[in-house]
């Protein structure tokens, strides 16, 4: 696994990891928050 030090890459990694932990509804809420914060 190549390690990349991009803030957005870290965010995606966290989201992908969260996808395996949180229900889809929570994931969608997180994504909506990120999109709104942009």
N, C-alpha and C. Protein backbone atom coordinates (compact mmCIF):
# COMPACT_ATOMS: atom_id res chain seq x y z
N UNK A 1 0.85 -1.20 0.00
CA UNK A 1 0.00 0.00 0.00
C UNK A 1 0.88 1.25 0.00
N UNK A 2 0.87 2.02 -1.03
CA UNK A 2 1.67 3.25 -1.07
C UNK A 2 1.09 4.28 -0.10
N UNK A 3 1.98 4.94 0.64
CA UNK A 3 1.50 5.93 1.61
C UNK A 3 1.53 7.31 0.99
N UNK A 4 0.39 8.00 1.03
CA UNK A 4 0.34 9.35 0.45
C UNK A 4 -0.04 10.33 1.55
N UNK A 5 0.62 11.46 1.54
CA UNK A 5 0.38 12.46 2.60
C UNK A 5 -0.46 13.61 2.06
N UNK A 6 -1.64 13.30 1.57
CA UNK A 6 -2.52 14.36 1.07
C UNK A 6 -3.70 14.48 2.04
N UNK A 7 -4.04 15.70 2.47
CA UNK A 7 -5.15 15.88 3.40
C UNK A 7 -6.43 15.23 2.89
N UNK A 8 -6.67 15.38 1.59
CA UNK A 8 -7.89 14.80 1.03
C UNK A 8 -7.78 13.28 1.03
N UNK A 9 -6.60 12.78 0.77
CA UNK A 9 -6.40 11.33 0.79
C UNK A 9 -6.68 10.77 2.17
N UNK A 10 -6.23 11.49 3.21
CA UNK A 10 -6.48 11.04 4.57
C UNK A 10 -7.98 11.03 4.85
N UNK A 11 -8.66 12.06 4.39
CA UNK A 11 -10.11 12.13 4.60
C UNK A 11 -10.80 10.94 3.95
N UNK A 12 -10.40 10.64 2.72
CA UNK A 12 -11.02 9.52 2.01
C UNK A 12 -10.72 8.22 2.75
N UNK A 13 -9.50 8.10 3.27
CA UNK A 13 -9.14 6.89 4.01
C UNK A 13 -10.03 6.74 5.23
N UNK A 14 -10.25 7.84 5.93
CA UNK A 14 -11.09 7.81 7.13
C UNK A 14 -12.52 7.44 6.74
N UNK A 15 -13.01 8.03 5.65
CA UNK A 15 -14.39 7.74 5.22
C UNK A 15 -14.52 6.28 4.83
N UNK A 16 -13.53 5.78 4.10
CA UNK A 16 -13.58 4.38 3.67
C UNK A 16 -13.55 3.47 4.89
N UNK A 17 -12.72 3.81 5.87
CA UNK A 17 -12.66 3.02 7.10
C UNK A 17 -13.97 3.10 7.86
N UNK A 18 -14.57 4.30 7.89
CA UNK A 18 -15.83 4.49 8.61
C UNK A 18 -16.95 3.71 7.93
N UNK A 19 -16.83 3.54 6.60
CA UNK A 19 -17.88 2.84 5.86
C UNK A 19 -18.04 1.42 6.40
N UNK A 20 -16.95 0.83 6.89
CA UNK A 20 -17.02 -0.54 7.41
C UNK A 20 -17.50 -0.57 8.85
N UNK A 21 -17.61 0.60 9.49
CA UNK A 21 -17.98 0.65 10.90
C UNK A 21 -19.37 1.23 11.09
N UNK A 22 -19.60 2.39 10.47
CA UNK A 22 -20.88 3.07 10.67
C UNK A 22 -21.90 2.64 9.63
N UNK A 23 -23.19 2.75 9.97
CA UNK A 23 -24.24 2.47 8.99
C UNK A 23 -24.18 3.47 7.84
N UNK A 24 -24.75 3.09 6.72
CA UNK A 24 -24.71 3.94 5.53
C UNK A 24 -25.29 5.32 5.78
N UNK A 25 -26.32 5.40 6.63
CA UNK A 25 -26.97 6.69 6.88
C UNK A 25 -25.98 7.66 7.52
N UNK A 26 -25.19 7.16 8.46
CA UNK A 26 -24.21 8.03 9.14
C UNK A 26 -23.14 8.46 8.15
N UNK A 27 -22.73 7.53 7.30
CA UNK A 27 -21.71 7.85 6.29
C UNK A 27 -22.22 8.95 5.38
N UNK A 28 -23.45 8.82 4.94
CA UNK A 28 -24.01 9.84 4.04
C UNK A 28 -24.07 11.19 4.73
N UNK A 29 -24.39 11.20 6.02
CA UNK A 29 -24.43 12.47 6.76
C UNK A 29 -23.04 13.09 6.83
N UNK A 30 -22.03 12.26 7.04
CA UNK A 30 -20.65 12.77 7.09
C UNK A 30 -20.25 13.37 5.76
N UNK A 31 -20.57 12.67 4.68
CA UNK A 31 -20.22 13.16 3.35
C UNK A 31 -20.95 14.47 3.08
N UNK A 32 -22.22 14.54 3.44
CA UNK A 32 -23.00 15.76 3.23
C UNK A 32 -22.36 16.92 3.98
N UNK A 33 -21.86 16.65 5.19
CA UNK A 33 -21.23 17.71 6.00
C UNK A 33 -19.96 18.18 5.32
N UNK A 34 -19.17 17.24 4.82
CA UNK A 34 -17.91 17.61 4.15
C UNK A 34 -18.20 18.44 2.91
N UNK A 35 -19.20 18.03 2.15
CA UNK A 35 -19.54 18.78 0.93
C UNK A 35 -20.02 20.19 1.30
N UNK A 36 -20.79 20.31 2.36
CA UNK A 36 -21.30 21.62 2.76
C UNK A 36 -20.17 22.51 3.29
N UNK A 37 -19.18 21.89 3.92
CA UNK A 37 -18.08 22.66 4.49
C UNK A 37 -17.11 23.15 3.43
N UNK A 38 -17.21 22.63 2.22
CA UNK A 38 -16.27 23.01 1.15
C UNK A 38 -16.55 24.41 0.65
